[in-house]
Protein backbone atom coordinates (compact mmCIF):
# COMPACT_ATOMS: atom_id res chain seq x y z
CA MET A 1 15.62 19.65 -50.63
CA HIS A 2 14.17 21.96 -53.30
CA LYS A 3 13.65 24.74 -50.75
CA ARG A 4 17.27 24.50 -49.65
CA ILE A 5 18.55 24.59 -53.22
CA ARG A 6 16.41 27.63 -54.02
CA PHE A 7 17.70 29.33 -50.88
CA LEU A 8 21.31 28.61 -51.86
CA ILE A 9 20.78 29.99 -55.37
CA ILE A 10 19.26 33.19 -53.99
CA VAL A 11 22.16 33.62 -51.55
CA ALA A 12 24.69 32.97 -54.34
CA VAL A 13 23.10 35.59 -56.58
CA ILE A 14 23.02 38.17 -53.79
CA VAL A 15 26.63 37.51 -52.77
CA THR A 16 27.74 37.66 -56.40
CA CYS A 17 25.99 40.98 -56.99
CA VAL A 18 27.57 42.43 -53.84
CA MET A 19 31.07 41.01 -54.08
CA VAL A 20 31.89 40.88 -57.78
CA PRO A 21 31.88 44.66 -58.40
CA SER A 22 34.09 45.17 -55.35
CA LEU A 23 36.74 42.87 -56.78
CA ALA A 24 37.58 45.60 -59.28
CA VAL A 25 38.60 42.99 -61.84
CA ALA A 26 39.61 45.05 -64.81
CA GLN A 27 39.83 44.71 -68.55
CA GLU A 28 43.04 46.09 -69.98
CA ASP A 29 42.86 48.23 -73.09
CA THR A 30 46.11 50.14 -72.53
CA GLU A 31 49.63 49.37 -71.38
CA PRO A 32 49.58 48.24 -67.74
CA LYS A 33 50.66 50.87 -65.25
CA PRO A 34 51.76 49.42 -61.88
CA GLU A 35 50.62 51.31 -58.81
CA TYR A 36 54.25 51.16 -57.55
CA SER A 37 57.32 51.13 -59.77
CA THR A 38 60.30 50.84 -57.42
CA LEU A 39 61.13 48.92 -54.26
CA ALA A 40 61.73 52.17 -52.40
CA GLU A 41 58.04 53.03 -52.77
CA LEU A 42 57.14 49.87 -50.80
CA SER A 43 58.84 50.99 -47.60
CA ASN A 44 56.33 50.87 -44.74
CA LYS A 45 53.74 49.29 -47.05
CA GLU A 46 51.94 45.98 -46.53
CA LEU A 47 53.21 43.15 -48.73
CA GLY A 48 52.06 39.56 -49.14
CA THR A 49 54.09 36.36 -49.53
CA VAL A 50 53.32 32.65 -49.58
CA LEU A 51 54.36 30.44 -46.67
CA GLY A 52 57.48 28.42 -47.41
CA THR A 53 59.29 31.09 -49.43
CA THR A 54 61.96 33.47 -48.18
CA TYR A 55 60.82 36.34 -50.36
CA ASP A 56 60.16 38.52 -47.31
CA ALA A 57 63.84 38.38 -46.37
CA ASP A 58 64.85 39.09 -49.98
CA VAL A 59 62.72 42.25 -50.03
CA ASN A 60 63.81 43.38 -46.58
CA ASN A 61 67.46 43.11 -47.60
CA ARG A 62 66.86 45.63 -50.37
CA LEU A 63 65.02 48.25 -48.29
CA SER A 64 66.19 50.59 -45.56
CA GLU A 65 62.70 50.78 -44.03
CA ASN A 66 61.12 47.36 -43.90
CA PRO A 67 57.52 46.83 -45.00
CA THR A 68 54.94 44.80 -43.07
CA PHE A 69 54.44 41.27 -44.39
CA LYS A 70 51.31 39.16 -44.36
CA TYR A 71 51.68 35.43 -44.94
CA TYR A 72 49.27 33.31 -46.96
CA GLY A 73 48.90 29.56 -47.32
CA GLU A 74 48.06 29.80 -51.03
CA MET A 75 48.84 32.15 -53.88
CA SER A 76 45.13 32.60 -54.65
CA GLU A 77 44.45 34.00 -51.18
CA MET A 78 47.30 36.45 -51.60
CA LEU A 79 46.13 37.65 -55.02
CA LEU A 80 42.60 38.12 -53.73
CA ALA A 81 43.96 40.19 -50.86
CA LEU A 82 45.78 42.32 -53.41
CA LYS A 83 42.60 42.81 -55.46
CA TYR A 84 40.66 43.75 -52.32
CA LYS A 85 43.40 46.31 -51.46
CA ARG A 86 44.24 44.57 -48.20
CA ILE A 87 47.89 44.54 -49.24
CA ASP A 88 49.83 46.85 -51.55
CA ALA A 89 51.89 44.26 -53.43
CA CYS A 90 52.80 40.56 -53.32
CA CYS A 91 55.96 38.57 -53.94
CA LEU A 92 56.08 35.75 -56.51
CA ASP A 93 58.53 33.79 -58.59
CA LYS A 94 58.88 35.59 -61.95
CA PRO A 95 57.31 32.91 -64.23
CA VAL A 96 54.49 32.38 -61.73
CA ALA A 97 53.93 36.15 -61.50
CA ARG A 98 53.75 36.43 -65.29
CA ILE A 99 50.96 33.82 -65.51
CA ALA A 100 49.13 35.33 -62.53
CA VAL A 101 49.05 38.75 -64.22
CA GLU A 102 47.97 37.26 -67.57
CA ARG A 103 44.98 35.55 -65.92
CA ASN A 104 44.03 38.39 -63.61
CA ALA A 105 43.17 41.65 -65.30
CA GLY A 106 43.78 44.59 -63.02
CA LEU A 107 47.21 43.41 -61.85
CA ALA A 108 50.65 44.40 -63.11
CA ILE A 109 54.28 43.44 -62.52
CA MET A 110 56.55 46.07 -60.98
CA PRO A 111 59.56 46.97 -63.18
CA GLU A 112 62.06 46.50 -60.32
CA ASP A 113 62.42 43.04 -58.82
CA ALA A 114 63.83 42.01 -55.44
CA GLY A 115 66.70 39.88 -56.70
CA PRO A 116 67.39 36.13 -56.82
CA ASP A 117 66.26 33.37 -54.48
CA ALA A 118 67.76 29.86 -54.74
CA ASN A 119 65.56 26.72 -54.89
CA ALA A 120 66.83 23.27 -53.89
CA VAL A 121 65.61 19.69 -53.77
CA ALA A 122 64.92 18.73 -50.14
CA LEU A 123 65.42 15.24 -48.70
CA PRO A 124 64.88 13.84 -45.18
CA LYS A 125 67.84 14.45 -42.88
CA GLY A 126 70.51 11.80 -43.35
CA SER A 127 68.94 10.29 -46.48
CA SER A 128 71.15 7.82 -48.33
CA LEU A 129 69.97 9.39 -51.60
CA THR A 130 71.31 12.86 -50.79
CA PRO A 131 74.80 12.53 -52.35
CA TYR A 132 73.43 10.93 -55.52
CA VAL A 133 70.66 13.50 -55.99
CA SER A 134 73.06 16.36 -55.23
CA ASN A 135 75.46 15.12 -57.91
CA ILE A 136 72.61 14.82 -60.42
CA VAL A 137 71.34 18.35 -59.72
CA GLU A 138 74.84 19.80 -59.90
CA ARG A 139 75.46 18.10 -63.24
CA LEU A 140 72.12 19.26 -64.68
CA VAL A 141 72.97 22.86 -63.79
CA GLU A 142 76.49 22.67 -65.23
CA ASP A 143 75.54 21.06 -68.56
CA GLY A 144 72.71 23.55 -69.19
CA THR A 145 69.82 21.08 -68.79
CA MET A 146 68.12 23.19 -66.12
CA GLU A 147 68.40 26.26 -68.33
CA GLU A 148 66.70 24.33 -71.14
CA LEU A 149 63.95 23.18 -68.79
CA GLU A 150 63.33 26.72 -67.59
CA HIS A 151 63.09 27.95 -71.17
CA GLU A 152 60.66 25.15 -72.07
CA TRP A 153 58.27 25.51 -69.14
CA CYS A 154 58.49 29.25 -68.50
CA GLU A 155 58.62 30.68 -72.02
CA LEU A 156 57.17 28.21 -74.54
CA PRO A 157 53.39 27.81 -75.08
CA GLU A 158 51.52 24.95 -73.41
CA SER A 159 51.38 22.91 -76.63
CA GLU A 160 55.19 22.71 -76.78
CA ARG A 161 55.71 21.58 -73.18
CA LYS A 162 56.16 17.83 -72.95
CA LEU A 163 57.22 15.45 -70.21
CA PRO A 164 59.73 12.71 -71.10
CA GLU A 165 58.55 9.16 -71.69
CA LYS A 166 59.57 6.49 -69.19
CA ASP A 167 62.43 4.72 -70.94
CA TRP A 168 64.16 3.18 -67.93
CA THR A 169 63.51 -0.09 -66.09
CA GLY A 170 63.08 1.28 -62.56
CA SER A 171 64.77 -1.76 -61.09
CA ASN A 172 66.13 0.11 -58.06
CA GLY A 173 62.74 0.58 -56.38
CA VAL A 174 60.27 3.44 -56.11
CA LEU A 175 61.17 7.11 -55.67
CA VAL A 176 58.42 8.96 -53.77
CA VAL A 177 58.56 12.69 -54.55
CA ALA A 178 56.35 15.36 -52.96
CA VAL A 179 55.35 18.21 -55.27
CA ASP A 180 52.93 21.11 -55.29
CA ASP A 181 50.19 20.96 -57.92
CA ALA A 182 48.96 24.55 -57.96
CA THR A 183 52.02 26.59 -59.02
CA GLU A 184 52.06 26.87 -62.78
CA PRO A 185 54.49 26.57 -64.55
CA MET A 186 56.65 25.01 -61.83
CA SER A 187 54.27 22.14 -61.01
CA TYR A 188 50.57 21.95 -61.82
CA ARG A 189 47.81 19.76 -63.28
CA SER A 190 47.06 19.94 -66.98
CA ALA A 191 43.65 19.64 -68.63
CA ASP A 192 43.80 15.83 -68.47
CA GLY A 193 44.67 15.88 -64.77
CA GLU A 194 48.32 14.96 -65.36
CA LEU A 195 51.01 16.52 -63.20
CA ARG A 196 53.24 18.74 -65.31
CA GLY A 197 55.81 21.48 -64.88
CA LEU A 198 59.51 22.22 -64.60
CA GLU A 199 59.83 20.60 -61.18
CA VAL A 200 57.83 17.57 -62.31
CA GLU A 201 60.20 17.02 -65.24
CA LEU A 202 63.15 17.43 -62.88
CA ALA A 203 61.67 14.61 -60.79
CA TYR A 204 61.44 12.47 -63.96
CA ILE A 205 65.11 13.12 -64.75
CA ILE A 206 66.26 12.28 -61.22
CA ALA A 207 64.22 9.06 -61.21
CA ARG A 208 65.74 8.06 -64.56
CA GLU A 209 69.25 8.77 -63.34
CA LEU A 210 68.62 6.65 -60.23
CA ASN A 211 66.79 4.00 -62.31
CA MET A 212 63.81 4.12 -59.96
CA ASP A 213 60.07 4.16 -60.64
CA LEU A 214 58.60 7.60 -59.93
CA ASP A 215 55.69 8.11 -57.53
CA LEU A 216 54.63 11.77 -57.48
CA ARG A 217 52.68 12.88 -54.40
CA PRO A 218 50.95 16.28 -54.79
CA MET A 219 50.21 18.03 -51.50
CA PRO A 220 50.12 21.49 -49.84
CA PHE A 221 53.43 23.01 -48.76
CA ASP A 222 52.83 22.40 -45.04
CA ALA A 223 52.16 18.72 -45.73
CA ILE A 224 55.31 18.53 -47.87
CA MET A 225 57.55 19.66 -45.03
CA LEU A 226 55.76 17.36 -42.57
CA SER A 227 56.26 14.42 -44.93
CA LEU A 228 59.98 15.15 -45.09
CA SER A 229 60.23 15.34 -41.31
CA SER A 230 58.42 12.01 -40.87
CA TYR A 231 60.42 10.30 -43.65
CA ASP A 232 57.23 9.51 -45.60
CA VAL A 233 58.65 10.75 -48.90
CA ASP A 234 62.10 10.36 -50.42
CA MET A 235 62.39 13.98 -51.52
CA ALA A 236 60.44 17.16 -52.24
CA ILE A 237 60.71 19.45 -55.26
CA ALA A 238 58.42 22.41 -54.56
CA GLY A 239 60.31 25.67 -54.91
CA ILE A 240 61.92 25.18 -51.49
CA SER A 241 64.16 28.13 -50.70
CA ILE A 242 67.58 27.45 -49.19
CA THR A 243 67.91 28.73 -45.61
CA ASP A 244 70.18 27.90 -42.67
CA GLU A 245 67.18 26.72 -40.63
CA ARG A 246 66.07 24.28 -43.31
CA SER A 247 69.61 23.01 -43.78
CA GLN A 248 69.55 21.93 -40.15
CA LEU A 249 66.22 20.09 -40.52
CA TYR A 250 66.59 18.58 -44.01
CA ASP A 251 69.21 17.64 -46.56
CA LEU A 252 69.31 20.26 -49.31
CA THR A 253 70.94 19.79 -52.69
CA PRO A 254 72.76 22.56 -54.56
CA ALA A 255 70.32 25.04 -56.11
CA TYR A 256 68.68 23.76 -59.28
CA ARG A 257 67.47 27.24 -60.29
CA SER A 258 67.68 30.83 -59.21
CA ALA A 259 64.19 32.26 -58.82
CA ILE A 260 63.75 35.98 -59.49
CA VAL A 261 61.59 37.52 -56.77
CA THR A 262 59.02 39.59 -58.63
CA LEU A 263 56.53 42.00 -57.09
CA VAL A 264 52.95 42.22 -58.35
CA THR A 265 50.76 45.20 -57.62
CA ARG A 266 47.53 46.68 -58.94
CA ASP A 267 47.21 48.14 -62.43
CA VAL A 268 45.98 51.73 -62.08
CA SER A 269 45.38 52.10 -65.84
CA SER A 270 42.61 49.47 -65.95
CA HIS A 271 38.89 50.05 -65.71
CA GLU A 272 36.20 47.92 -64.13
CA MET A 273 34.22 45.45 -66.21
CA GLY A 274 30.46 45.14 -65.98
CA LEU A 275 28.72 42.69 -63.68
CA PHE A 276 27.76 40.29 -66.48
CA GLU A 277 31.32 40.29 -67.91
CA ASN A 278 32.71 39.57 -64.47
CA ILE A 279 30.36 36.64 -63.92
CA VAL A 280 31.12 35.13 -67.34
CA GLN A 281 34.87 35.47 -66.78
CA MET A 282 34.65 33.91 -63.32
CA ILE A 283 32.62 30.93 -64.56
CA ARG A 284 34.93 30.38 -67.53
CA SER A 285 38.12 30.48 -65.44
CA THR A 286 36.60 28.32 -62.70
CA PHE A 287 34.99 25.50 -64.68
CA PHE A 288 36.27 25.55 -68.28
CA HIS A 289 39.91 26.57 -68.12
CA ASN A 290 42.76 24.04 -68.09
CA GLY A 291 40.57 21.02 -67.33
CA HIS A 292 38.97 22.44 -64.20
CA GLY A 293 35.66 20.75 -65.01
CA TRP A 294 37.28 17.31 -64.90
CA LEU A 295 38.93 18.17 -61.59
CA PHE A 296 35.51 19.05 -60.13
CA ILE A 297 34.06 15.71 -61.32
CA THR A 298 36.96 13.85 -59.70
CA GLY A 299 36.54 15.80 -56.47
CA VAL A 300 32.81 15.05 -56.31
CA ALA A 301 33.46 11.33 -56.85
CA ILE A 302 36.04 11.20 -54.05
CA THR A 303 33.81 13.17 -51.68
CA LEU A 304 30.92 10.76 -52.35
CA LEU A 305 33.22 7.79 -51.79
CA LEU A 306 34.45 9.16 -48.46
CA THR A 307 30.93 10.05 -47.31
CA PHE A 308 29.14 6.83 -48.18
CA SER A 309 32.01 4.70 -46.88
CA SER A 310 32.75 6.40 -43.56
CA VAL A 311 29.13 7.06 -42.50
CA PRO A 312 27.91 3.42 -42.35
CA ILE A 313 31.25 2.13 -41.04
CA GLY A 314 31.43 4.80 -38.33
CA THR A 315 27.78 4.39 -37.33
CA ILE A 316 28.02 0.61 -36.95
CA LEU A 317 31.35 0.78 -35.10
CA GLY A 318 30.00 3.52 -32.81
CA CYS A 319 26.89 1.53 -31.89
CA LEU A 320 29.02 -1.55 -31.15
CA LEU A 321 31.51 0.47 -29.12
CA GLY A 322 28.75 2.15 -27.14
CA ALA A 323 27.07 -1.19 -26.48
CA LEU A 324 30.34 -2.72 -25.27
CA ILE A 325 31.05 0.17 -22.92
CA VAL A 326 27.50 0.08 -21.50
CA CYS A 327 27.40 -3.69 -21.02
CA LEU A 328 30.87 -3.87 -19.48
CA SER A 329 29.82 -1.25 -16.93
CA ARG A 330 26.82 -3.32 -15.70
CA PRO A 331 27.05 -5.85 -12.84
CA LEU A 332 28.16 -9.27 -14.02
CA GLU A 333 25.54 -10.95 -11.83
CA LEU A 334 22.69 -9.48 -13.90
CA GLY A 335 20.52 -12.36 -15.02
CA GLY A 336 20.49 -14.26 -11.77
CA LYS A 337 23.92 -15.86 -12.14
CA SER A 338 26.16 -14.60 -9.35
CA ARG A 339 29.78 -14.18 -10.36
CA LYS A 340 31.16 -12.37 -7.35
CA SER A 341 33.86 -14.99 -6.96
CA ALA A 342 35.03 -14.52 -10.54
CA TRP A 343 37.15 -11.49 -9.69
CA PHE A 344 39.33 -11.92 -12.75
CA LEU A 345 36.27 -11.52 -15.00
CA ARG A 346 35.42 -8.27 -13.23
CA LEU A 347 39.00 -7.09 -13.61
CA LEU A 348 39.04 -8.05 -17.27
CA SER A 349 35.78 -6.22 -17.95
CA ARG A 350 37.05 -3.08 -16.17
CA ILE A 351 40.28 -3.11 -18.19
CA ALA A 352 38.36 -3.59 -21.44
CA ARG A 353 35.89 -0.83 -20.50
CA THR A 354 38.76 1.54 -19.63
CA ILE A 355 40.46 0.90 -22.95
CA LEU A 356 37.25 1.39 -24.90
CA LEU A 357 36.43 4.56 -22.99
CA GLY A 358 39.93 5.88 -23.66
CA LEU A 359 39.57 5.28 -27.39
CA GLN A 360 36.16 6.90 -27.41
CA ILE A 361 37.42 9.97 -25.55
CA VAL A 362 40.52 10.36 -27.73
CA PHE A 363 38.66 10.21 -31.03
CA SER A 364 35.77 12.37 -29.84
CA GLU A 365 37.83 15.10 -28.16
CA VAL A 366 40.74 15.41 -30.61
CA PRO A 367 39.97 17.54 -33.72
CA ILE A 368 39.46 15.49 -36.88
CA VAL A 369 42.32 17.38 -38.55
CA ILE A 370 44.79 16.07 -35.96
CA VAL A 371 43.38 12.55 -36.22
CA LEU A 372 43.84 12.53 -40.00
CA LEU A 373 47.37 13.92 -39.83
CA VAL A 374 48.45 11.39 -37.20
CA LEU A 375 46.98 8.48 -39.16
CA ARG A 376 48.44 9.68 -42.45
CA TYR A 377 51.96 10.55 -41.39
CA LEU A 378 52.59 8.48 -38.25
CA VAL A 379 50.40 5.37 -38.22
CA PHE A 380 50.20 4.33 -41.88
CA ASP A 381 53.00 4.07 -44.42
CA PHE A 382 52.64 7.20 -46.51
CA ALA A 383 54.38 5.67 -49.53
CA THR A 384 52.11 2.63 -49.85
CA THR A 385 48.78 3.47 -48.17
CA PRO A 386 46.25 5.37 -50.34
CA GLY A 387 45.18 8.68 -48.86
CA GLY A 388 41.51 7.89 -49.45
CA PHE A 389 41.78 4.75 -47.30
CA VAL A 390 43.36 6.75 -44.47
CA ALA A 391 40.61 9.37 -44.75
CA ILE A 392 37.88 6.72 -44.51
CA ILE A 393 39.53 5.19 -41.44
CA GLY A 394 39.94 8.57 -39.74
CA LEU A 395 36.42 9.80 -40.50
CA SER A 396 34.92 6.45 -39.45
CA CYS A 397 36.80 6.46 -36.13
CA ALA A 398 35.77 10.05 -35.38
CA LEU A 399 32.11 9.30 -36.13
CA ALA A 400 32.26 6.03 -34.17
CA ALA A 401 33.54 7.86 -31.09
CA THR A 402 30.74 10.40 -31.29
CA VAL A 403 28.08 7.72 -31.80
CA ALA A 404 29.44 5.70 -28.86
CA GLY A 405 29.04 8.73 -26.61
CA ILE A 406 25.49 9.23 -27.86
CA VAL A 407 24.62 5.60 -27.09
CA ARG A 408 26.04 5.89 -23.56
CA ASP A 409 24.11 9.09 -22.85
CA ALA A 410 20.87 7.64 -24.24
CA VAL A 411 21.15 4.50 -22.10
CA ALA A 412 22.06 6.54 -19.01
CA SER A 413 18.94 8.67 -19.46
CA LEU A 414 16.75 5.55 -19.02
CA GLY A 415 17.90 5.04 -15.45
CA ASN A 416 18.06 1.66 -13.66
CA GLN A 417 14.42 0.61 -13.97
CA PRO A 418 14.78 -1.10 -17.39
CA TRP A 419 17.79 -3.03 -16.12
CA GLU A 420 15.86 -4.12 -13.02
CA ILE A 421 12.98 -5.32 -15.21
CA ALA A 422 15.44 -7.25 -17.38
CA SER A 423 17.04 -8.78 -14.28
CA SER A 424 13.63 -9.89 -12.95
CA MET A 425 12.99 -11.58 -16.30
CA GLY A 426 16.26 -13.53 -16.01
CA TYR A 427 18.04 -11.76 -18.88
CA THR A 428 21.83 -11.57 -19.11
CA THR A 429 23.47 -8.20 -19.57
CA TRP A 430 23.90 -8.63 -23.31
CA LYS A 431 20.40 -10.02 -23.79
CA ALA A 432 18.91 -7.19 -21.74
CA PHE A 433 20.70 -4.60 -23.84
CA GLY A 434 19.67 -6.15 -27.12
CA ARG A 435 16.00 -6.80 -26.32
CA ILE A 436 14.99 -4.04 -23.91
CA ILE A 437 17.58 -1.29 -23.41
CA SER A 438 18.58 -0.70 -27.02
CA PRO A 439 15.02 -0.41 -28.43
CA MET A 440 13.99 1.92 -25.60
CA ALA A 441 17.09 4.10 -26.05
CA ARG A 442 16.56 4.59 -29.77
CA ARG A 443 14.10 7.41 -29.23
CA GLN A 444 16.70 9.21 -27.12
CA PHE A 445 19.76 8.93 -29.34
CA MET A 446 18.22 9.05 -32.84
CA PRO A 447 18.18 12.88 -33.24
CA ALA A 448 21.72 13.18 -31.91
CA LEU A 449 22.83 10.31 -34.14
CA PHE A 450 21.46 12.08 -37.22
CA ALA A 451 23.29 15.27 -36.26
CA ALA A 452 26.55 13.33 -35.81
CA ILE A 453 26.15 11.73 -39.24
CA MET A 454 25.58 15.10 -40.89
CA GLN A 455 28.64 16.52 -39.13
CA SER A 456 30.68 13.57 -40.42
CA VAL A 457 29.68 14.55 -43.97
CA PHE A 458 31.01 18.06 -43.42
CA ASP A 459 34.21 16.68 -41.84
CA THR A 460 35.20 15.31 -45.25
CA SER A 461 36.05 18.87 -46.22
CA VAL A 462 39.38 18.73 -44.32
CA VAL A 463 40.85 15.59 -45.89
CA GLY A 464 42.73 17.72 -48.42
CA LEU A 465 45.34 18.26 -45.70
CA ILE A 466 46.51 14.66 -46.16
CA ALA A 467 46.78 14.96 -49.96
CA VAL A 468 43.32 13.62 -50.81
CA HIS A 469 41.67 15.46 -53.69
CA ASP A 470 38.14 15.72 -52.39
CA MET A 471 35.74 18.47 -53.47
CA THR A 472 37.17 21.09 -51.13
CA ARG A 473 40.76 20.39 -52.15
CA VAL A 474 39.79 20.62 -55.83
CA ALA A 475 38.13 23.97 -55.14
CA ASP A 476 41.37 25.14 -53.53
CA LEU A 477 43.37 24.02 -56.58
CA VAL A 478 41.03 25.84 -58.96
CA ARG A 479 41.04 28.90 -56.73
CA ALA A 480 44.85 28.85 -56.72
CA ARG A 481 44.91 28.98 -60.51
CA SER A 482 41.98 31.25 -61.30
CA THR A 483 42.23 33.37 -58.09
CA GLU A 484 38.42 33.52 -58.14
CA ALA A 485 37.18 32.10 -54.87
CA LEU A 486 33.42 32.64 -55.15
CA PRO A 487 32.45 30.19 -57.97
CA ALA A 488 34.61 27.37 -56.63
CA MET A 489 33.24 27.79 -53.11
CA ILE A 490 29.65 27.92 -54.39
CA ALA A 491 30.23 24.70 -56.34
CA THR A 492 31.58 23.07 -53.18
CA ALA A 493 28.59 24.28 -51.17
CA VAL A 494 26.16 22.87 -53.75
CA VAL A 495 27.87 19.46 -53.64
CA TYR A 496 27.69 19.27 -49.85
CA LEU A 497 24.12 20.51 -49.91
CA ALA A 498 23.15 17.72 -52.32
CA ILE A 499 24.92 15.06 -50.23
CA SER A 500 23.42 16.27 -46.95
CA SER A 501 19.94 16.52 -48.49
CA ALA A 502 20.14 12.96 -49.83
CA LEU A 503 21.29 11.69 -46.45
CA GLU A 504 18.57 13.66 -44.70
CA HIS A 505 15.88 11.89 -46.75
CA VAL A 506 17.42 8.48 -46.04
CA LEU A 507 17.65 9.19 -42.30
CA LYS A 508 14.05 10.44 -42.16
CA ALA A 509 12.84 7.25 -43.82
CA PHE A 510 14.87 5.22 -41.35
CA ALA A 511 13.48 7.24 -38.41
CA LYS A 512 9.91 6.43 -39.45
CA ARG A 513 10.67 2.72 -39.34
CA VAL A 514 12.30 3.11 -35.93
CA GLN A 515 9.21 4.91 -34.61
CA LYS A 516 7.03 1.99 -35.61
CA THR A 517 9.40 -0.40 -33.83
CA ASN A 518 9.44 1.83 -30.75
CA ARG A 519 5.63 1.71 -30.48
CA TYR A 520 5.74 -2.08 -30.48
CA VAL A 521 8.59 -2.14 -27.93
CA SER A 522 6.80 0.33 -25.65
CA ALA A 523 3.65 -1.78 -25.69
CA GLU A 524 5.68 -4.90 -24.93
CA GLY A 525 7.49 -3.14 -22.10
CA GLU A 526 4.19 -2.02 -20.52
CA ASP A 527 2.86 -5.59 -20.68
CA ALA A 528 6.03 -6.90 -19.05
CA ALA A 529 5.78 -4.30 -16.28
């Protein structure tokens, strides 16, 4: 383990020394000077925008010669692309752009914006709540409440932003609302891990007006739209732009705010900071800003929970599934008791074996991402089932399918001789598997089993897609706020390295015990032969 940690540290230092200077993160000592000042200068340039927005159409409508757009899943990826000079400018909501520029030296806001873009609350198509929520939003816009909220969250300092207290009974049920948690000041997590922001307070107000308890569900934008389509949430408030296509798929309320499409480009008046200053700034923004350290602790805890729950469950289920498939494929007359007349038992065993094989093939051949999404949004009730529970089920099933295949291959490699020996000794199929076949097959499937377990640990890195805040998802959140990918990714790598190293030591200790058992079984098998 110590060698692997030392190796990781050396790699991290080398990558940092190579990559950090190239980021051109700058320290401003003069007035920012944007590389581009007008929209006309962006014609035929490469611009970035985040998936889910319609900012590309807003910009194109203002230009005679359209630029080329690149689409990013997260704002942090887009800002990094801008720093690396892979794009010339990027499109953001004005308050979000202001914070992004404040936290990222070397960037500047262009003086000319691309005009307004309307945001609406989205509900599943045909929702019974649509007319009520639409009336609430329309009233909040007319009486100036939304203007007050925008002033509070987009212009006042953090200390003066406060969410309302719950002063309603919530007797009309639970309102499940999907939000983003990485778009400050619209919706984000504060230092104490609490969801905050303009859109979060709007959800509070709507819940109070409906007299319903509020259940906020933070998730990536793609998951938000999928949750609406599968009716797993009651509504989504996540800067969803109003388009004709979305109006056909979802119910959209009147616009609750008009977002100003702002363009961010590089600041040509800045100068590069030194290597040490860059490293200090990256560490501070990654681990000590806005409660990021607490988020990392939470992510590590959830990752450990998923790992040490799914690995034993999946291993045990996989061994049982493999044993069932193997035993159901053997002749029923093994053991000296002829059952050729019991055709219904043969038929039953073939049906059971076919079903088990089908399950094993499905879970082993389908990518774990698809398995998790199907379980989260189609099989389980999104509103009531914890995401961590769904992740444990999905990871356990995927590992079980892999282990079952390993057991089958290991038993097949032994050939028919062990079964013939067991038959001559009068053993039944199940007894033969338990006493002779399984101990002999351990030497064959143990290395592959260990590899499958280690892969299951790494598979936990994708559970963020179903709104589970494991270590990788936390790193994405921090990266979205700080726009510094390297420290967050290194922290994630260290966590997985520690988990895999601990498991490796446990598995090696277990393998030694198995080897001792195998020597005894081999000697017993030779005596029996």
